[in-house]
N, C-alpha and C. Protein backbone atom coordinates (compact mmCIF):
# COMPACT_ATOMS: atom_id res chain seq x y z
N UNK A 1 101.07 94.16 136.04
CA UNK A 1 101.41 93.13 135.80
C UNK A 1 100.79 92.39 134.85
N UNK A 2 101.31 92.19 133.58
CA UNK A 2 100.88 91.66 132.40
C UNK A 2 101.29 90.42 132.39
N UNK A 3 100.19 89.39 132.49
CA UNK A 3 100.44 87.87 132.20
C UNK A 3 99.96 87.73 130.80
N UNK A 4 100.44 86.53 130.64
CA UNK A 4 99.82 86.01 128.90
C UNK A 4 99.55 84.81 129.36
N UNK A 5 98.28 84.76 129.98
CA UNK A 5 97.19 83.67 129.38
C UNK A 5 96.93 82.95 128.48
N UNK A 6 97.09 83.51 127.03
CA UNK A 6 96.95 82.90 125.99
C UNK A 6 97.85 81.84 125.63
N UNK A 7 98.92 81.91 126.10
CA UNK A 7 100.21 80.32 125.97
C UNK A 7 99.24 79.66 126.86
N UNK A 8 99.90 78.65 126.17
CA UNK A 8 100.02 77.00 127.22
C UNK A 8 98.26 77.16 127.94
N UNK A 9 97.48 76.54 126.91
CA UNK A 9 96.18 76.38 126.89
C UNK A 9 95.30 77.69 128.16
N UNK A 10 96.05 78.90 128.31
CA UNK A 10 95.15 79.87 129.02
C UNK A 10 95.54 79.24 130.98
N UNK A 11 96.86 79.00 130.73
CA UNK A 11 97.35 78.42 131.94
C UNK A 11 98.75 78.75 132.34
N UNK A 12 99.02 80.00 133.74
CA UNK A 12 100.38 80.01 133.80
C UNK A 12 100.78 78.90 135.06
N UNK A 13 101.75 78.78 135.10
CA UNK A 13 102.52 77.60 136.35
C UNK A 13 102.29 78.32 137.60
N UNK A 14 101.82 78.06 138.47
CA UNK A 14 102.29 78.69 140.11
C UNK A 14 102.95 77.98 141.09
N UNK A 15 103.98 78.68 141.42
CA UNK A 15 104.45 78.00 142.35
C UNK A 15 104.34 78.41 143.91
N UNK A 16 104.43 77.39 144.79
CA UNK A 16 103.82 78.27 146.01
C UNK A 16 105.21 77.89 147.08
N UNK A 17 105.40 78.90 147.56
CA UNK A 17 106.99 79.26 148.58
C UNK A 17 106.27 79.55 150.23
N UNK A 18 107.48 78.78 150.95
CA UNK A 18 106.61 79.37 151.98
C UNK A 18 107.36 80.39 152.06
N UNK A 19 106.26 81.56 152.82
CA UNK A 19 106.96 82.58 152.97
C UNK A 19 108.27 83.53 153.85
N UNK A 20 108.84 82.23 154.75
CA UNK A 20 109.63 82.73 155.86
C UNK A 20 111.18 82.14 155.25
N UNK A 21 110.85 80.71 154.53
CA UNK A 21 112.14 80.10 154.10
C UNK A 21 112.23 79.96 152.64
N UNK A 22 111.19 80.24 151.65
CA UNK A 22 111.53 80.06 150.26
C UNK A 22 111.66 78.70 150.04
N UNK A 23 110.83 77.53 150.89
CA UNK A 23 111.00 75.70 150.77
C UNK A 23 109.53 76.33 149.77
N UNK A 24 110.14 75.44 148.53
CA UNK A 24 109.02 74.84 147.52
C UNK A 24 107.83 74.26 148.44
N UNK A 25 106.48 74.49 148.18
CA UNK A 25 104.88 73.89 149.15
C UNK A 25 104.55 72.92 148.02
N UNK A 26 104.70 73.49 146.66
CA UNK A 26 103.29 73.08 145.89
C UNK A 26 103.56 73.51 144.62
N UNK A 27 103.26 73.01 143.29
CA UNK A 27 103.31 73.85 142.17
C UNK A 27 101.90 73.19 141.65
N UNK A 28 101.46 74.63 141.08
CA UNK A 28 99.81 74.09 140.48
C UNK A 28 99.55 75.20 139.27
N UNK A 29 98.25 75.20 138.90
CA UNK A 29 98.26 76.09 137.74
C UNK A 29 97.11 77.10 138.02
N UNK A 30 97.09 77.99 137.47
CA UNK A 30 96.04 79.20 137.31
C UNK A 30 95.86 79.95 135.79
N UNK A 31 94.24 79.77 136.11
CA UNK A 31 94.23 80.33 134.84
C UNK A 31 94.11 82.28 134.99
N UNK A 32 93.17 82.67 134.15
CA UNK A 32 92.82 84.28 134.84
C UNK A 32 91.76 84.63 135.76
N UNK A 33 91.35 83.31 135.53
CA UNK A 33 89.94 83.90 137.01
C UNK A 33 90.48 83.14 137.95
N UNK A 34 91.90 82.47 138.08
CA UNK A 34 92.03 81.62 139.74
C UNK A 34 93.29 82.62 139.95
N UNK A 35 93.83 83.63 139.11
CA UNK A 35 94.75 84.50 139.80
C UNK A 35 93.85 85.80 140.31
N UNK A 36 92.80 85.87 139.29
CA UNK A 36 91.77 87.19 139.84
C UNK A 36 91.55 86.78 140.99
N UNK A 37 90.99 85.82 141.69
CA UNK A 37 90.73 85.09 142.70
C UNK A 37 91.33 85.42 143.96
N UNK A 38 92.73 85.03 143.54
CA UNK A 38 93.95 84.80 144.40
C UNK A 38 93.91 86.19 144.75
N UNK A 39 93.87 87.27 144.28
CA UNK A 39 94.67 88.51 144.40
C UNK A 39 93.45 89.18 144.94
N UNK A 40 92.30 89.11 144.60
CA UNK A 40 90.94 89.98 145.40
C UNK A 40 90.96 89.28 146.74
N UNK A 41 91.24 87.77 147.21
CA UNK A 41 90.65 87.13 148.62
C UNK A 41 91.96 86.75 149.35
N UNK A 42 92.67 86.80 148.58
CA UNK A 42 94.00 86.98 149.51
C UNK A 42 94.32 85.18 149.83
N UNK A 43 93.54 84.55 149.44
CA UNK A 43 93.80 82.94 149.23
C UNK A 43 94.05 82.02 147.66
N UNK A 44 95.17 81.42 148.31
CA UNK A 44 95.37 80.51 146.47
C UNK A 44 94.52 79.61 146.24
N UNK A 45 94.22 80.27 144.75
CA UNK A 45 92.99 79.77 144.17
C UNK A 45 93.57 79.09 142.57
N UNK A 46 93.21 77.90 142.47
CA UNK A 46 93.92 77.26 141.11
C UNK A 46 92.90 76.86 140.43
N UNK A 47 93.37 76.52 139.34
CA UNK A 47 92.50 75.31 138.19
C UNK A 47 92.71 74.39 138.10
N UNK A 48 92.13 73.61 138.68
CA UNK A 48 92.09 72.00 138.11
C UNK A 48 91.70 71.64 137.28
N UNK A 49 93.09 71.10 136.30
CA UNK A 49 92.73 70.80 134.81
C UNK A 49 92.52 69.21 134.70
N UNK A 50 92.31 68.48 135.92
CA UNK A 50 91.38 67.17 135.54
C UNK A 50 89.91 67.85 135.90
N UNK A 51 89.86 68.24 137.17
CA UNK A 51 88.18 68.73 137.01
C UNK A 51 87.77 69.58 136.22
N UNK A 52 88.39 70.38 135.83
CA UNK A 52 87.87 71.71 134.88
C UNK A 52 87.14 72.46 135.57
N UNK A 53 87.72 72.87 136.62
CA UNK A 53 86.99 73.99 137.53
C UNK A 53 88.06 75.19 138.49
N UNK A 54 87.63 75.45 138.94
CA UNK A 54 88.75 76.35 140.23
C UNK A 54 88.67 75.80 141.45
N UNK A 55 89.43 75.96 141.62
CA UNK A 55 89.92 74.69 143.17
C UNK A 55 90.57 75.84 144.10
N UNK A 56 90.04 76.07 145.02
CA UNK A 56 90.40 76.92 146.28
C UNK A 56 91.02 75.90 147.33
N UNK A 57 92.97 76.21 147.06
CA UNK A 57 93.39 75.17 148.00
C UNK A 57 92.88 75.66 149.63
N UNK A 58 92.44 74.05 149.92
CA UNK A 58 92.03 73.92 150.90
C UNK A 58 90.84 73.73 151.67
N UNK A 59 89.65 74.21 150.68
CA UNK A 59 88.62 73.79 150.44
C UNK A 59 87.66 72.58 151.27
N UNK A 60 88.30 71.80 150.76
CA UNK A 60 88.01 70.08 151.98
C UNK A 60 88.91 70.12 153.19
N UNK A 61 90.11 70.27 153.12
CA UNK A 61 90.66 69.80 154.30
C UNK A 61 90.43 71.23 155.58
N UNK A 62 90.74 72.34 154.50
CA UNK A 62 90.48 73.34 155.57
C UNK A 62 91.67 73.63 156.26
N UNK A 63 92.59 73.70 155.11
CA UNK A 63 93.81 73.81 155.31
C UNK A 63 94.53 74.62 153.74
N UNK A 64 94.10 76.33 154.19
CA UNK A 64 94.50 77.16 152.83
C UNK A 64 95.75 77.63 152.92
N UNK A 65 96.22 78.01 151.63
CA UNK A 65 97.13 78.61 151.61
C UNK A 65 97.06 80.24 151.51
N UNK A 66 97.26 81.15 152.18
CA UNK A 66 97.27 82.81 152.63
C UNK A 66 98.35 82.87 151.64
N UNK A 67 98.07 84.35 150.71
CA UNK A 67 98.99 84.69 150.40
C UNK A 67 99.68 85.93 151.34
N UNK A 68 101.06 85.69 151.66
CA UNK A 68 101.49 86.87 152.81
C UNK A 68 102.40 87.58 152.27
N UNK A 69 102.94 87.41 150.79
CA UNK A 69 103.64 88.77 150.46
C UNK A 69 102.92 88.76 148.81
N UNK A 70 103.45 89.88 148.36
CA UNK A 70 102.94 90.28 146.79
C UNK A 70 103.35 88.89 145.90
N UNK A 71 102.56 88.73 144.76
CA UNK A 71 103.09 87.47 143.68
C UNK A 71 104.18 88.24 143.50
N UNK A 72 105.19 87.03 142.93
CA UNK A 72 106.64 87.63 142.23
C UNK A 72 106.74 86.90 140.57
N UNK A 73 107.11 87.65 139.84
CA UNK A 73 107.42 86.42 138.63
C UNK A 73 108.88 86.62 138.56
N UNK A 74 109.62 85.54 138.08
CA UNK A 74 110.73 85.40 137.64
C UNK A 74 110.85 84.94 136.89
N UNK A 75 111.46 85.63 135.99
CA UNK A 75 111.82 84.74 134.53
C UNK A 75 112.62 83.55 134.45
N UNK A 76 112.45 82.81 133.65
CA UNK A 76 113.29 81.50 133.41
C UNK A 76 114.78 81.72 132.72
N UNK A 77 115.88 81.13 133.56
CA UNK A 77 117.15 81.59 132.82
C UNK A 77 117.20 80.60 131.67
N UNK A 78 117.64 81.60 130.94
CA UNK A 78 118.04 80.43 128.89
C UNK A 78 119.11 79.28 129.80
N UNK A 79 119.46 78.38 129.22
CA UNK A 79 120.45 77.59 129.07
C UNK A 79 121.44 77.82 128.49
N UNK A 80 122.57 77.73 129.03
CA UNK A 80 123.40 77.98 127.93
C UNK A 80 124.08 77.12 127.07
N UNK A 81 124.47 77.77 125.87
CA UNK A 81 124.72 76.81 124.52
C UNK A 81 125.60 76.15 124.34
N UNK A 82 125.61 74.66 124.36
CA UNK A 82 127.03 73.91 124.15
C UNK A 82 128.05 74.66 123.81
N UNK A 83 129.28 74.67 124.38
CA UNK A 83 130.52 75.04 123.58
C UNK A 83 130.74 76.27 123.96
N UNK A 84 129.50 77.33 124.81
CA UNK A 84 129.73 78.62 124.76
C UNK A 84 130.54 78.67 126.45
N UNK A 85 131.58 80.14 125.49
CA UNK A 85 132.65 80.41 126.24
C UNK A 85 132.23 80.72 127.87
N UNK A 86 133.26 80.39 128.96
CA UNK A 86 132.62 80.50 130.65
C UNK A 86 134.25 81.32 130.40
N UNK A 87 134.01 82.45 131.54
CA UNK A 87 135.15 82.93 132.26
C UNK A 87 135.75 82.27 132.55
N UNK A 88 137.37 82.39 132.17
CA UNK A 88 138.16 82.02 132.57
C UNK A 88 139.20 82.12 133.90
N UNK A 89 139.44 81.40 135.12
CA UNK A 89 140.30 81.59 135.97
C UNK A 89 141.52 82.34 135.29
N UNK A 90 142.23 83.26 136.09
CA UNK A 90 143.44 84.08 135.70
C UNK A 90 144.27 83.56 136.70
N UNK A 91 145.43 82.54 136.63
CA UNK A 91 146.27 82.50 137.92
C UNK A 91 147.13 83.49 138.39
């Protein structure tokens, strides 16, 4: 998996979803070190932009996020240009 940590100040956006429902639980940021820690430990680790350090989700509350499925990457869809042709219904 090739992630480009050079863009966006060395951070990637991590969208955390419930493994059964797909419901979005939270959005955080990972730098390369946080991503590696997540893969190696199986616990979601983020980079705190305000504290400028790694942050293990649940380190103070005990409610850790366990990685249940492999990490997936989805490319963003490009927005359609205004005036672009759409498929028309045939009567």
